[in-house]
PDB file of N, CA and C in Angstrom:
ATOM      1  N   MET A   1     -63.529 -31.938 170.396  1.00  0.00           N
ATOM      2  CA  MET A   1     -62.985 -32.849 169.406  1.00  0.00           C
ATOM      3  C   MET A   1     -63.766 -32.656 168.111  1.00  0.00           C
ATOM      4  N   ASN A   2     -63.073 -32.372 167.024  1.00  0.00           N
ATOM      5  CA  ASN A   2     -63.765 -32.182 165.749  1.00  0.00           C
ATOM      6  C   ASN A   2     -64.092 -33.543 165.121  1.00  0.00           C
ATOM      7  N   ASP A   3     -64.845 -33.524 164.026  1.00  0.00           N
ATOM      8  CA  ASP A   3     -65.307 -34.766 163.402  1.00  0.00           C
ATOM      9  C   ASP A   3     -64.161 -35.649 162.939  1.00  0.00           C
ATOM     10  N   THR A   4     -63.146 -35.059 162.343  1.00  0.00           N
ATOM     11  CA  THR A   4     -62.020 -35.835 161.842  1.00  0.00           C
ATOM     12  C   THR A   4     -61.280 -36.527 162.985  1.00  0.00           C
ATOM     13  N   ALA A   5     -61.011 -35.812 164.041  1.00  0.00           N
ATOM     14  CA  ALA A   5     -60.326 -36.404 165.186  1.00  0.00           C
ATOM     15  C   ALA A   5     -61.171 -37.504 165.810  1.00  0.00           C
ATOM     16  N   PHE A   6     -62.479 -37.312 165.842  1.00  0.00           N
ATOM     17  CA  PHE A   6     -63.374 -38.327 166.393  1.00  0.00           C
ATOM     18  C   PHE A   6     -63.305 -39.614 165.570  1.00  0.00           C
ATOM     19  N   PHE A   7     -63.355 -39.477 164.240  1.00  0.00           N
ATOM     20  CA  PHE A   7     -63.304 -40.657 163.380  1.00  0.00           C
ATOM     21  C   PHE A   7     -61.968 -41.380 163.493  1.00  0.00           C
ATOM     22  N   TRP A   8     -60.868 -40.643 163.559  1.00  0.00           N
ATOM     23  CA  TRP A   8     -59.555 -41.276 163.736  1.00  0.00           C
ATOM     24  C   TRP A   8     -59.492 -42.025 165.060  1.00  0.00           C
ATOM     25  N   HIS A   9     -60.091 -41.438 166.086  1.00  0.00           N
ATOM     26  CA  HIS A   9     -60.113 -42.100 167.392  1.00  0.00           C
ATOM     27  C   HIS A   9     -60.898 -43.414 167.310  1.00  0.00           C
ATOM     28  N   ILE A  10     -62.054 -43.375 166.661  1.00  0.00           N
ATOM     29  CA  ILE A  10     -62.883 -44.576 166.523  1.00  0.00           C
ATOM     30  C   ILE A  10     -62.151 -45.632 165.691  1.00  0.00           C
ATOM     31  N   LEU A  11     -61.541 -45.227 164.571  1.00  0.00           N
ATOM     32  CA  LEU A  11     -60.824 -46.174 163.723  1.00  0.00           C
ATOM     33  C   LEU A  11     -59.667 -46.831 164.468  1.00  0.00           C
ATOM     34  N   ASN A  12     -58.884 -46.054 165.177  1.00  0.00           N
ATOM     35  CA  ASN A  12     -57.754 -46.609 165.908  1.00  0.00           C
ATOM     36  C   ASN A  12     -58.213 -47.520 167.036  1.00  0.00           C
ATOM     37  N   LYS A  13     -59.314 -47.177 167.668  1.00  0.00           N
ATOM     38  CA  LYS A  13     -59.841 -47.990 168.751  1.00  0.00           C
ATOM     39  C   LYS A  13     -60.340 -49.339 168.223  1.00  0.00           C
ATOM     40  N   GLU A  14     -61.027 -49.330 167.069  1.00  0.00           N
ATOM     41  CA  GLU A  14     -61.589 -50.549 166.510  1.00  0.00           C
ATOM     42  C   GLU A  14     -60.531 -51.439 165.876  1.00  0.00           C
ATOM     43  N   GLN A  15     -59.388 -50.903 165.485  1.00  0.00           N
ATOM     44  CA  GLN A  15     -58.362 -51.703 164.836  1.00  0.00           C
ATOM     45  C   GLN A  15     -57.657 -52.649 165.785  1.00  0.00           C
ATOM     46  N   SER A  16     -57.798 -52.470 167.076  1.00  0.00           N
ATOM     47  CA  SER A  16     -57.138 -53.377 167.999  1.00  0.00           C
ATOM     48  C   SER A  16     -57.742 -54.773 167.923  1.00  0.00           C
ATOM     49  N   ASP A  17     -58.987 -54.895 167.462  1.00  0.00           N
ATOM     50  CA  ASP A  17     -59.630 -56.193 167.343  1.00  0.00           C
ATOM     51  C   ASP A  17     -59.352 -56.871 166.008  1.00  0.00           C
ATOM     52  N   ILE A  18     -58.811 -56.136 165.042  1.00  0.00           N
ATOM     53  CA  ILE A  18     -58.574 -56.670 163.710  1.00  0.00           C
ATOM     54  C   ILE A  18     -57.232 -57.388 163.685  1.00  0.00           C
ATOM     55  N   PRO A  19     -57.178 -58.637 163.156  1.00  0.00           N
ATOM     56  CA  PRO A  19     -55.891 -59.321 163.057  1.00  0.00           C
ATOM     57  C   PRO A  19     -54.947 -58.567 162.128  1.00  0.00           C
ATOM     58  N   LYS A  20     -53.668 -58.624 162.436  1.00  0.00           N
ATOM     59  CA  LYS A  20     -52.683 -57.859 161.676  1.00  0.00           C
ATOM     60  C   LYS A  20     -52.356 -58.500 160.333  1.00  0.00           C
ATOM     61  N   THR A  21     -52.411 -59.820 160.227  1.00  0.00           N
ATOM     62  CA  THR A  21     -52.112 -60.501 158.980  1.00  0.00           C
ATOM     63  C   THR A  21     -53.233 -61.466 158.657  1.00  0.00           C
ATOM     64  N   PRO A  22     -53.395 -61.848 157.391  1.00  0.00           N
ATOM     65  CA  PRO A  22     -54.447 -62.790 157.035  1.00  0.00           C
ATOM     66  C   PRO A  22     -54.284 -64.151 157.716  1.00  0.00           C
ATOM     67  N   VAL A  23     -53.057 -64.547 158.020  1.00  0.00           N
ATOM     68  CA  VAL A  23     -52.819 -65.846 158.643  1.00  0.00           C
ATOM     69  C   VAL A  23     -53.397 -65.877 160.050  1.00  0.00           C
ATOM     70  N   GLU A  24     -53.381 -64.745 160.748  1.00  0.00           N
ATOM     71  CA  GLU A  24     -53.903 -64.693 162.104  1.00  0.00           C
ATOM     72  C   GLU A  24     -55.421 -64.709 162.146  1.00  0.00           C
ATOM     73  N   SER A  25     -56.089 -64.532 161.017  1.00  0.00           N
ATOM     74  CA  SER A  25     -57.535 -64.389 161.017  1.00  0.00           C
ATOM     75  C   SER A  25     -58.272 -65.688 161.315  1.00  0.00           C
ATOM     76  N   SER A  26     -57.642 -66.829 161.156  1.00  0.00           N
ATOM     77  CA  SER A  26     -58.296 -68.106 161.403  1.00  0.00           C
ATOM     78  C   SER A  26     -57.422 -68.983 162.282  1.00  0.00           C
ATOM     79  N   PRO A  27     -57.516 -68.840 163.602  1.00  0.00           N
ATOM     80  CA  PRO A  27     -56.661 -69.621 164.477  1.00  0.00           C
ATOM     81  C   PRO A  27     -57.049 -71.087 164.531  1.00  0.00           C
ATOM     82  N   ASN A  28     -58.255 -71.465 164.079  1.00  0.00           N
ATOM     83  CA  ASN A  28     -58.687 -72.850 164.133  1.00  0.00           C
ATOM     84  C   ASN A  28     -57.947 -73.732 163.137  1.00  0.00           C
ATOM     85  N   LEU A  29     -57.515 -73.175 162.017  1.00  0.00           N
ATOM     86  CA  LEU A  29     -56.860 -73.940 160.980  1.00  0.00           C
ATOM     87  C   LEU A  29     -55.367 -73.675 161.029  1.00  0.00           C
ATOM     88  N   ASP A  30     -54.624 -74.663 161.487  1.00  0.00           N
ATOM     89  CA  ASP A  30     -53.179 -74.508 161.566  1.00  0.00           C
ATOM     90  C   ASP A  30     -52.545 -75.345 160.469  1.00  0.00           C
ATOM     91  N   THR A  31     -52.333 -74.732 159.309  1.00  0.00           N
ATOM     92  CA  THR A  31     -51.777 -75.457 158.180  1.00  0.00           C
ATOM     93  C   THR A  31     -50.267 -75.564 158.254  1.00  0.00           C
ATOM     94  N   LYS A  32     -49.631 -74.807 159.121  1.00  0.00           N
ATOM     95  CA  LYS A  32     -48.174 -74.858 159.195  1.00  0.00           C
ATOM     96  C   LYS A  32     -47.670 -76.221 159.647  1.00  0.00           C
ATOM     97  N   GLU A  33     -48.498 -76.981 160.346  1.00  0.00           N
ATOM     98  CA  GLU A  33     -48.058 -78.295 160.781  1.00  0.00           C
ATOM     99  C   GLU A  33     -47.925 -79.261 159.609  1.00  0.00           C
ATOM    100  N   PHE A  34     -48.627 -78.995 158.485  1.00  0.00           N
ATOM    101  CA  PHE A  34     -48.554 -79.850 157.316  1.00  0.00           C
ATOM    102  C   PHE A  34     -47.466 -79.421 156.337  1.00  0.00           C
ATOM    103  N   ILE A  35     -46.954 -78.226 156.506  1.00  0.00           N
ATOM    104  CA  ILE A  35     -45.977 -77.676 155.564  1.00  0.00           C
ATOM    105  C   ILE A  35     -44.578 -77.899 156.109  1.00  0.00           C
ATOM    106  N   PRO A  36     -43.732 -78.567 155.345  1.00  0.00           N
ATOM    107  CA  PRO A  36     -42.359 -78.710 155.816  1.00  0.00           C
ATOM    108  C   PRO A  36     -41.674 -77.350 155.896  1.00  0.00           C
ATOM    109  N   ASN A  37     -40.696 -77.252 156.762  1.00  0.00           N
ATOM    110  CA  ASN A  37     -39.993 -75.983 156.948  1.00  0.00           C
ATOM    111  C   ASN A  37     -39.303 -75.592 155.646  1.00  0.00           C
ATOM    112  N   SER A  38     -39.759 -74.520 155.054  1.00  0.00           N
ATOM    113  CA  SER A  38     -39.152 -74.020 153.825  1.00  0.00           C
ATOM    114  C   SER A  38     -39.281 -72.514 153.805  1.00  0.00           C
ATOM    115  N   GLN A  39     -38.682 -71.906 152.810  1.00  0.00           N
ATOM    116  CA  GLN A  39     -38.765 -70.448 152.705  1.00  0.00           C
ATOM    117  C   GLN A  39     -40.159 -69.991 152.314  1.00  0.00           C
ATOM    118  N   PHE A  40     -41.018 -70.912 151.846  1.00  0.00           N
ATOM    119  CA  PHE A  40     -42.354 -70.551 151.408  1.00  0.00           C
ATOM    120  C   PHE A  40     -43.441 -71.001 152.367  1.00  0.00           C
ATOM    121  N   SER A  41     -43.101 -71.446 153.557  1.00  0.00           N
ATOM    122  CA  SER A  41     -44.112 -71.983 154.472  1.00  0.00           C
ATOM    123  C   SER A  41     -45.146 -70.923 154.873  1.00  0.00           C
ATOM    124  N   ASP A  42     -44.718 -69.685 155.101  1.00  0.00           N
ATOM    125  CA  ASP A  42     -45.679 -68.624 155.438  1.00  0.00           C
ATOM    126  C   ASP A  42     -46.592 -68.306 154.254  1.00  0.00           C
ATOM    127  N   ASP A  43     -46.022 -68.298 153.050  1.00  0.00           N
ATOM    128  CA  ASP A  43     -46.810 -68.020 151.852  1.00  0.00           C
ATOM    129  C   ASP A  43     -47.853 -69.111 151.618  1.00  0.00           C
ATOM    130  N   ILE A  44     -47.457 -70.368 151.788  1.00  0.00           N
ATOM    131  CA  ILE A  44     -48.375 -71.473 151.570  1.00  0.00           C
ATOM    132  C   ILE A  44     -49.468 -71.477 152.627  1.00  0.00           C
ATOM    133  N   ALA A  45     -49.111 -71.145 153.860  1.00  0.00           N
ATOM    134  CA  ALA A  45     -50.114 -71.069 154.924  1.00  0.00           C
ATOM    135  C   ALA A  45     -51.140 -69.983 154.612  1.00  0.00           C
ATOM    136  N   ALA A  46     -50.689 -68.836 154.129  1.00  0.00           N
ATOM    137  CA  ALA A  46     -51.608 -67.746 153.779  1.00  0.00           C
ATOM    138  C   ALA A  46     -52.483 -68.129 152.593  1.00  0.00           C
ATOM    139  N   LEU A  47     -51.909 -68.778 151.592  1.00  0.00           N
ATOM    140  CA  LEU A  47     -52.686 -69.209 150.430  1.00  0.00           C
ATOM    141  C   LEU A  47     -53.702 -70.282 150.801  1.00  0.00           C
ATOM    142  N   SER A  48     -53.352 -71.139 151.747  1.00  0.00           N
ATOM    143  CA  SER A  48     -54.286 -72.198 152.128  1.00  0.00           C
ATOM    144  C   SER A  48     -55.493 -71.648 152.872  1.00  0.00           C
ATOM    145  N   LEU A  49     -55.368 -70.466 153.467  1.00  0.00           N
ATOM    146  CA  LEU A  49     -56.535 -69.830 154.077  1.00  0.00           C
ATOM    147  C   LEU A  49     -57.494 -69.323 153.007  1.00  0.00           C
ATOM    148  N   LYS A  50     -56.950 -68.832 151.906  1.00  0.00           N
ATOM    149  CA  LYS A  50     -57.796 -68.343 150.816  1.00  0.00           C
ATOM    150  C   LYS A  50     -58.370 -69.505 150.011  1.00  0.00           C
ATOM    151  N   PHE A  51     -57.592 -70.552 149.838  1.00  0.00           N
ATOM    152  CA  PHE A  51     -58.001 -71.717 149.056  1.00  0.00           C
ATOM    153  C   PHE A  51     -58.098 -72.934 149.975  1.00  0.00           C
ATOM    154  N   PRO A  52     -59.282 -73.265 150.465  1.00  0.00           N
ATOM    155  CA  PRO A  52     -59.425 -74.413 151.371  1.00  0.00           C
ATOM    156  C   PRO A  52     -59.004 -75.739 150.730  1.00  0.00           C
ATOM    157  N   GLN A  53     -59.126 -75.847 149.406  1.00  0.00           N
ATOM    158  CA  GLN A  53     -58.705 -77.080 148.746  1.00  0.00           C
ATOM    159  C   GLN A  53     -57.198 -77.293 148.864  1.00  0.00           C
ATOM    160  N   LEU A  54     -56.423 -76.217 148.952  1.00  0.00           N
ATOM    161  CA  LEU A  54     -54.984 -76.340 149.172  1.00  0.00           C
ATOM    162  C   LEU A  54     -54.723 -76.841 150.587  1.00  0.00           C
ATOM    163  N   ALA A  55     -55.477 -76.362 151.550  1.00  0.00           N
ATOM    164  CA  ALA A  55     -55.320 -76.820 152.931  1.00  0.00           C
ATOM    165  C   ALA A  55     -55.638 -78.301 153.046  1.00  0.00           C
ATOM    166  N   SER A  56     -56.699 -78.756 152.378  1.00  0.00           N
ATOM    167  CA  SER A  56     -57.034 -80.178 152.438  1.00  0.00           C
ATOM    168  C   SER A  56     -55.992 -81.017 151.714  1.00  0.00           C
ATOM    169  N   LEU A  57     -55.412 -80.485 150.646  1.00  0.00           N
ATOM    170  CA  LEU A  57     -54.338 -81.193 149.949  1.00  0.00           C
ATOM    171  C   LEU A  57     -53.126 -81.357 150.851  1.00  0.00           C
ATOM    172  N   LEU A  58     -52.782 -80.323 151.595  1.00  0.00           N
ATOM    173  CA  LEU A  58     -51.642 -80.403 152.502  1.00  0.00           C
ATOM    174  C   LEU A  58     -51.908 -81.394 153.634  1.00  0.00           C
ATOM    175  N   ALA A  59     -53.151 -81.464 154.078  1.00  0.00           N
ATOM    176  CA  ALA A  59     -53.497 -82.376 155.170  1.00  0.00           C
ATOM    177  C   ALA A  59     -53.434 -83.831 154.720  1.00  0.00           C
ATOM    178  N   THR A  60     -53.895 -84.115 153.504  1.00  0.00           N
ATOM    179  CA  THR A  60     -53.913 -85.494 153.016  1.00  0.00           C
ATOM    180  C   THR A  60     -52.636 -85.870 152.289  1.00  0.00           C
ATOM    181  N   ASN A  61     -51.921 -84.868 151.776  1.00  0.00           N
ATOM    182  CA  ASN A  61     -50.683 -85.067 151.025  1.00  0.00           C
ATOM    183  C   ASN A  61     -50.894 -85.960 149.804  1.00  0.00           C
ATOM    184  N   LYS A  62     -52.070 -85.848 149.172  1.00  0.00           N
ATOM    185  CA  LYS A  62     -52.376 -86.602 147.960  1.00  0.00           C
ATOM    186  C   LYS A  62     -52.909 -85.637 146.916  1.00  0.00           C
ATOM    187  N   ASN A  63     -52.314 -85.657 145.743  1.00  0.00           N
ATOM    188  CA  ASN A  63     -52.801 -84.830 144.644  1.00  0.00           C
ATOM    189  C   ASN A  63     -52.342 -85.449 143.338  1.00  0.00           C
ATOM    190  N   GLU A  64     -53.036 -86.486 142.911  1.00  0.00           N
ATOM    191  CA  GLU A  64     -52.651 -87.187 141.689  1.00  0.00           C
ATOM    192  C   GLU A  64     -52.992 -86.394 140.431  1.00  0.00           C
ATOM    193  N   GLN A  65     -54.133 -85.712 140.440  1.00  0.00           N
ATOM    194  CA  GLN A  65     -54.579 -85.048 139.221  1.00  0.00           C
ATOM    195  C   GLN A  65     -54.091 -83.616 139.081  1.00  0.00           C
ATOM    196  N   GLY A  66     -53.553 -83.025 140.093  1.00  0.00           N
ATOM    197  CA  GLY A  66     -53.073 -81.651 140.014  1.00  0.00           C
ATOM    198  C   GLY A  66     -54.153 -80.658 140.398  1.00  0.00           C
ATOM    199  N   LEU A  67     -53.760 -79.642 141.083  1.00  0.00           N
ATOM    200  CA  LEU A  67     -54.678 -78.603 141.539  1.00  0.00           C
ATOM    201  C   LEU A  67     -54.283 -77.295 140.866  1.00  0.00           C
ATOM    202  N   MET A  68     -55.282 -76.551 140.408  1.00  0.00           N
ATOM    203  CA  MET A  68     -55.007 -75.280 139.752  1.00  0.00           C
ATOM    204  C   MET A  68     -55.666 -74.169 140.557  1.00  0.00           C
ATOM    205  N   LEU A  69     -54.869 -73.218 141.006  1.00  0.00           N
ATOM    206  CA  LEU A  69     -55.351 -72.090 141.784  1.00  0.00           C
ATOM    207  C   LEU A  69     -55.137 -70.815 140.989  1.00  0.00           C
ATOM    208  N   GLU A  70     -56.150 -69.956 140.969  1.00  0.00           N
ATOM    209  CA  GLU A  70     -56.045 -68.694 140.242  1.00  0.00           C
ATOM    210  C   GLU A  70     -56.294 -67.550 141.219  1.00  0.00           C
ATOM    211  N   ILE A  71     -55.403 -66.561 141.165  1.00  0.00           N
ATOM    212  CA  ILE A  71     -55.477 -65.426 142.080  1.00  0.00           C
ATOM    213  C   ILE A  71     -54.972 -64.187 141.345  1.00  0.00           C
ATOM    214  N   SER A  72     -55.472 -63.033 141.740  1.00  0.00           N
ATOM    215  CA  SER A  72     -54.990 -61.799 141.114  1.00  0.00           C
ATOM    216  C   SER A  72     -53.680 -61.368 141.783  1.00  0.00           C
ATOM    217  N   LEU A  73     -52.937 -60.575 141.074  1.00  0.00           N
ATOM    218  CA  LEU A  73     -51.664 -60.084 141.594  1.00  0.00           C
ATOM    219  C   LEU A  73     -51.880 -59.251 142.850  1.00  0.00           C
ATOM    220  N   LYS A  74     -52.937 -58.457 142.872  1.00  0.00           N
ATOM    221  CA  LYS A  74     -53.220 -57.635 144.047  1.00  0.00           C
ATOM    222  C   LYS A  74     -53.537 -58.494 145.267  1.00  0.00           C
ATOM    223  N   GLU A  75     -54.313 -59.571 145.071  1.00  0.00           N
ATOM    224  CA  GLU A  75     -54.666 -60.446 146.185  1.00  0.00           C
ATOM    225  C   GLU A  75     -53.454 -61.173 146.753  1.00  0.00           C
ATOM    226  N   ILE A  76     -52.613 -61.704 145.877  1.00  0.00           N
ATOM    227  CA  ILE A  76     -51.451 -62.440 146.375  1.00  0.00           C
ATOM    228  C   ILE A  76     -50.450 -61.494 147.034  1.00  0.00           C
ATOM    229  N   PHE A  77     -50.390 -60.257 146.568  1.00  0.00           N
ATOM    230  CA  PHE A  77     -49.486 -59.289 147.192  1.00  0.00           C
ATOM    231  C   PHE A  77     -49.932 -58.975 148.618  1.00  0.00           C
ATOM    232  N   VAL A  78     -51.238 -58.996 148.873  1.00  0.00           N
ATOM    233  CA  VAL A  78     -51.746 -58.786 150.226  1.00  0.00           C
ATOM    234  C   VAL A  78     -51.453 -60.007 151.095  1.00  0.00           C
ATOM    235  N   LEU A  79     -51.671 -61.204 150.540  1.00  0.00           N
ATOM    236  CA  LEU A  79     -51.453 -62.432 151.300  1.00  0.00           C
ATOM    237  C   LEU A  79     -49.974 -62.737 151.517  1.00  0.00           C
ATOM    238  N   CYS A  80     -49.189 -62.549 150.471  1.00  0.00           N
ATOM    239  CA  CYS A  80     -47.767 -62.888 150.496  1.00  0.00           C
ATOM    240  C   CYS A  80     -46.969 -61.673 150.023  1.00  0.00           C
ATOM    241  N   PRO A  81     -46.749 -60.710 150.900  1.00  0.00           N
ATOM    242  CA  PRO A  81     -46.097 -59.472 150.467  1.00  0.00           C
ATOM    243  C   PRO A  81     -44.651 -59.692 150.019  1.00  0.00           C
ATOM    244  N   ARG A  82     -44.279 -58.950 149.014  1.00  0.00           N
ATOM    245  CA  ARG A  82     -42.911 -58.916 148.500  1.00  0.00           C
ATOM    246  C   ARG A  82     -42.478 -57.460 148.458  1.00  0.00           C
ATOM    247  N   GLY A  83     -41.255 -57.226 148.048  1.00  0.00           N
ATOM    248  CA  GLY A  83     -40.746 -55.867 147.961  1.00  0.00           C
ATOM    249  C   GLY A  83     -41.516 -55.007 146.977  1.00  0.00           C
ATOM    250  N   ARG A  84     -41.919 -55.607 145.856  1.00  0.00           N
ATOM    251  CA  ARG A  84     -42.683 -54.893 144.836  1.00  0.00           C
ATOM    252  C   ARG A  84     -43.804 -55.788 144.343  1.00  0.00           C
ATOM    253  N   CYS A  85     -44.856 -55.190 143.888  1.00  0.00           N
ATOM    254  CA  CYS A  85     -46.015 -55.925 143.391  1.00  0.00           C
ATOM    255  C   CYS A  85     -45.807 -56.241 141.912  1.00  0.00           C
ATOM    256  N   ARG A  86     -45.046 -57.322 141.644  1.00  0.00           N
ATOM    257  CA  ARG A  86     -44.765 -57.728 140.269  1.00  0.00           C
ATOM    258  C   ARG A  86     -44.912 -59.232 140.141  1.00  0.00           C
ATOM    259  N   LEU A  87     -45.309 -59.678 138.966  1.00  0.00           N
ATOM    260  CA  LEU A  87     -45.500 -61.111 138.736  1.00  0.00           C
ATOM    261  C   LEU A  87     -44.227 -61.923 138.945  1.00  0.00           C
ATOM    262  N   ASP A  88     -43.092 -61.386 138.515  1.00  0.00           N
ATOM    263  CA  ASP A  88     -41.847 -62.152 138.608  1.00  0.00           C
ATOM    264  C   ASP A  88     -41.408 -62.412 140.042  1.00  0.00           C
ATOM    265  N   ARG A  89     -41.948 -61.693 141.003  1.00  0.00           N
ATOM    266  CA  ARG A  89     -41.604 -61.898 142.410  1.00  0.00           C
ATOM    267  C   ARG A  89     -42.169 -63.206 142.954  1.00  0.00           C
ATOM    268  N   TYR A  90     -43.123 -63.802 142.246  1.00  0.00           N
ATOM    269  CA  TYR A  90     -43.776 -65.018 142.718  1.00  0.00           C
ATOM    270  C   TYR A  90     -43.419 -66.242 141.883  1.00  0.00           C
ATOM    271  N   SER A  91     -42.471 -66.134 140.971  1.00  0.00           N
ATOM    272  CA  SER A  91     -42.129 -67.262 140.103  1.00  0.00           C
ATOM    273  C   SER A  91     -41.529 -68.430 140.890  1.00  0.00           C
ATOM    274  N   LYS A  92     -40.716 -68.155 141.881  1.00  0.00           N
ATOM    275  CA  LYS A  92     -40.119 -69.228 142.692  1.00  0.00           C
ATOM    276  C   LYS A  92     -41.183 -69.944 143.518  1.00  0.00           C
ATOM    277  N   LEU A  93     -42.148 -69.202 144.039  1.00  0.00           N
ATOM    278  CA  LEU A  93     -43.256 -69.804 144.778  1.00  0.00           C
ATOM    279  C   LEU A  93     -44.079 -70.699 143.853  1.00  0.00           C
ATOM    280  N   GLN A  94     -44.328 -70.236 142.635  1.00  0.00           N
ATOM    281  CA  GLN A  94     -45.069 -71.043 141.664  1.00  0.00           C
ATOM    282  C   GLN A  94     -44.318 -72.334 141.343  1.00  0.00           C
ATOM    283  N   GLU A  95     -43.008 -72.235 141.140  1.00  0.00           N
ATOM    284  CA  GLU A  95     -42.190 -73.414 140.859  1.00  0.00           C
ATOM    285  C   GLU A  95     -42.204 -74.388 142.037  1.00  0.00           C
ATOM    286  N   TYR A  96     -42.080 -73.861 143.237  1.00  0.00           N
ATOM    287  CA  TYR A  96     -42.059 -74.697 144.432  1.00  0.00           C
ATOM    288  C   TYR A  96     -43.382 -75.455 144.598  1.00  0.00           C
ATOM    289  N   LEU A  97     -44.502 -74.763 144.429  1.00  0.00           N
ATOM    290  CA  LEU A  97     -45.806 -75.417 144.549  1.00  0.00           C
ATOM    291  C   LEU A  97     -46.000 -76.479 143.477  1.00  0.00           C
ATOM    292  N   ASN A  98     -45.568 -76.192 142.272  1.00  0.00           N
ATOM    293  CA  ASN A  98     -45.722 -77.142 141.182  1.00  0.00           C
ATOM    294  C   ASN A  98     -44.843 -78.370 141.389  1.00  0.00           C
ATOM    295  N   LYS A  99     -43.616 -78.166 141.792  1.00  0.00           N
ATOM    296  CA  LYS A  99     -42.670 -79.271 141.959  1.00  0.00           C
ATOM    297  C   LYS A  99     -43.032 -80.163 143.150  1.00  0.00           C
ATOM    298  N   ASN A 100     -43.350 -79.557 144.295  1.00  0.00           N
ATOM    299  CA  ASN A 100     -43.542 -80.321 145.517  1.00  0.00           C
ATOM    300  C   ASN A 100     -44.972 -80.790 145.769  1.00  0.00           C
ATOM    301  N   TYR A 101     -45.963 -80.057 145.256  1.00  0.00           N
ATOM    302  CA  TYR A 101     -47.354 -80.395 145.549  1.00  0.00           C
ATOM    303  C   TYR A 101     -48.207 -80.609 144.305  1.00  0.00           C
ATOM    304  N   ASN A 102     -47.623 -80.496 143.113  1.00  0.00           N
ATOM    305  CA  ASN A 102     -48.349 -80.603 141.857  1.00  0.00           C
ATOM    306  C   ASN A 102     -49.494 -79.590 141.794  1.00  0.00           C
ATOM    307  N   VAL A 103     -49.231 -78.377 142.277  1.00  0.00           N
ATOM    308  CA  VAL A 103     -50.209 -77.292 142.294  1.00  0.00           C
ATOM    309  C   VAL A 103     -49.761 -76.226 141.310  1.00  0.00           C
ATOM    310  N   THR A 104     -50.658 -75.867 140.401  1.00  0.00           N
ATOM    311  CA  THR A 104     -50.371 -74.799 139.449  1.00  0.00           C
ATOM    312  C   THR A 104     -51.000 -73.515 139.987  1.00  0.00           C
ATOM    313  N   LEU A 105     -50.168 -72.537 140.271  1.00  0.00           N
ATOM    314  CA  LEU A 105     -50.626 -71.245 140.771  1.00  0.00           C
ATOM    315  C   LEU A 105     -50.598 -70.250 139.620  1.00  0.00           C
ATOM    316  N   ILE A 106     -51.785 -69.780 139.235  1.00  0.00           N
ATOM    317  CA  ILE A 106     -51.906 -68.813 138.149  1.00  0.00           C
ATOM    318  C   ILE A 106     -52.173 -67.448 138.767  1.00  0.00           C
ATOM    319  N   ILE A 107     -51.304 -66.503 138.456  1.00  0.00           N
ATOM    320  CA  ILE A 107     -51.438 -65.146 138.981  1.00  0.00           C
ATOM    321  C   ILE A 107     -51.824 -64.240 137.824  1.00  0.00           C
ATOM    322  N   LYS A 108     -52.988 -63.625 137.945  1.00  0.00           N
ATOM    323  CA  LYS A 108     -53.503 -62.735 136.900  1.00  0.00           C
ATOM    324  C   LYS A 108     -53.126 -61.298 137.232  1.00  0.00           C
ATOM    325  N   SER A 109     -52.612 -60.611 136.241  1.00  0.00           N
ATOM    326  CA  SER A 109     -52.268 -59.207 136.397  1.00  0.00           C
ATOM    327  C   SER A 109     -53.364 -58.350 135.771  1.00  0.00           C
ATOM    328  N   GLN A 110     -53.527 -57.134 136.290  1.00  0.00           N
ATOM    329  CA  GLN A 110     -54.526 -56.220 135.753  1.00  0.00           C
ATOM    330  C   GLN A 110     -54.059 -55.591 134.445  1.00  0.00           C
ATOM    331  N   LYS A 111     -52.755 -55.597 134.224  1.00  0.00           N
ATOM    332  CA  LYS A 111     -52.220 -54.971 133.015  1.00  0.00           C
ATOM    333  C   LYS A 111     -52.533 -55.816 131.787  1.00  0.00           C
ATOM    334  N   GLN A 112     -52.833 -55.158 130.704  1.00  0.00           N
ATOM    335  CA  GLN A 112     -53.088 -55.827 129.444  1.00  0.00           C
ATOM    336  C   GLN A 112     -51.863 -55.681 128.568  1.00  0.00           C
ATOM    337  N   LYS A 113     -51.342 -56.797 128.090  1.00  0.00           N
ATOM    338  CA  LYS A 113     -50.206 -56.741 127.175  1.00  0.00           C
ATOM    339  C   LYS A 113     -50.744 -56.653 125.746  1.00  0.00           C
ATOM    340  N   THR A 114     -50.212 -55.698 125.011  1.00  0.00           N
ATOM    341  CA  THR A 114     -50.657 -55.534 123.626  1.00  0.00           C
ATOM    342  C   THR A 114     -49.517 -55.933 122.703  1.00  0.00           C
ATOM    343  N   ASP A 115     -49.868 -56.692 121.682  1.00  0.00           N
ATOM    344  CA  ASP A 115     -48.880 -57.079 120.682  1.00  0.00           C
ATOM    345  C   ASP A 115     -48.860 -56.042 119.566  1.00  0.00           C
ATOM    346  N   LEU A 116     -47.693 -55.609 119.217  1.00  0.00           N
ATOM    347  CA  LEU A 116     -47.565 -54.593 118.164  1.00  0.00           C
ATOM    348  C   LEU A 116     -47.146 -55.225 116.876  1.00  0.00           C
TER     349      LEU A 116
END
C-alpha cells in the first residue's frame, strides 16, 4: 500500500465517527421541539447550534428588544445549504426570523462592492 492509499484509508476510516451535518453534532440540544413546523425549521435548528442565544430565545419565546446575529455567507452556506452560495438565497429566511422572532440575521459577504 503506497502512502496516498494509506492516507485515504485512514481518512475514510476516521470519517465514520464524524457527524454528517452540523445539526447532528449536538444531540443534547434539541431545538426542533421549540420551532413550529415551517420550511425553515432545519435552518433555524442549525443556526441555533451556532448561536446559543437563538436557542435560548426559542426556548423562552421572549425577545422584546430584538436579537442581532451576524454570520458570513460561507458559514451560513455550510449550516443551511442552498443551490448556490448567494446572499439572495437567504432573504426569505431573514424575513421569517425578523417577522416571527424579532431576530435580525446579518449575512456578510466576502465580496467588496465598489461604487463607480
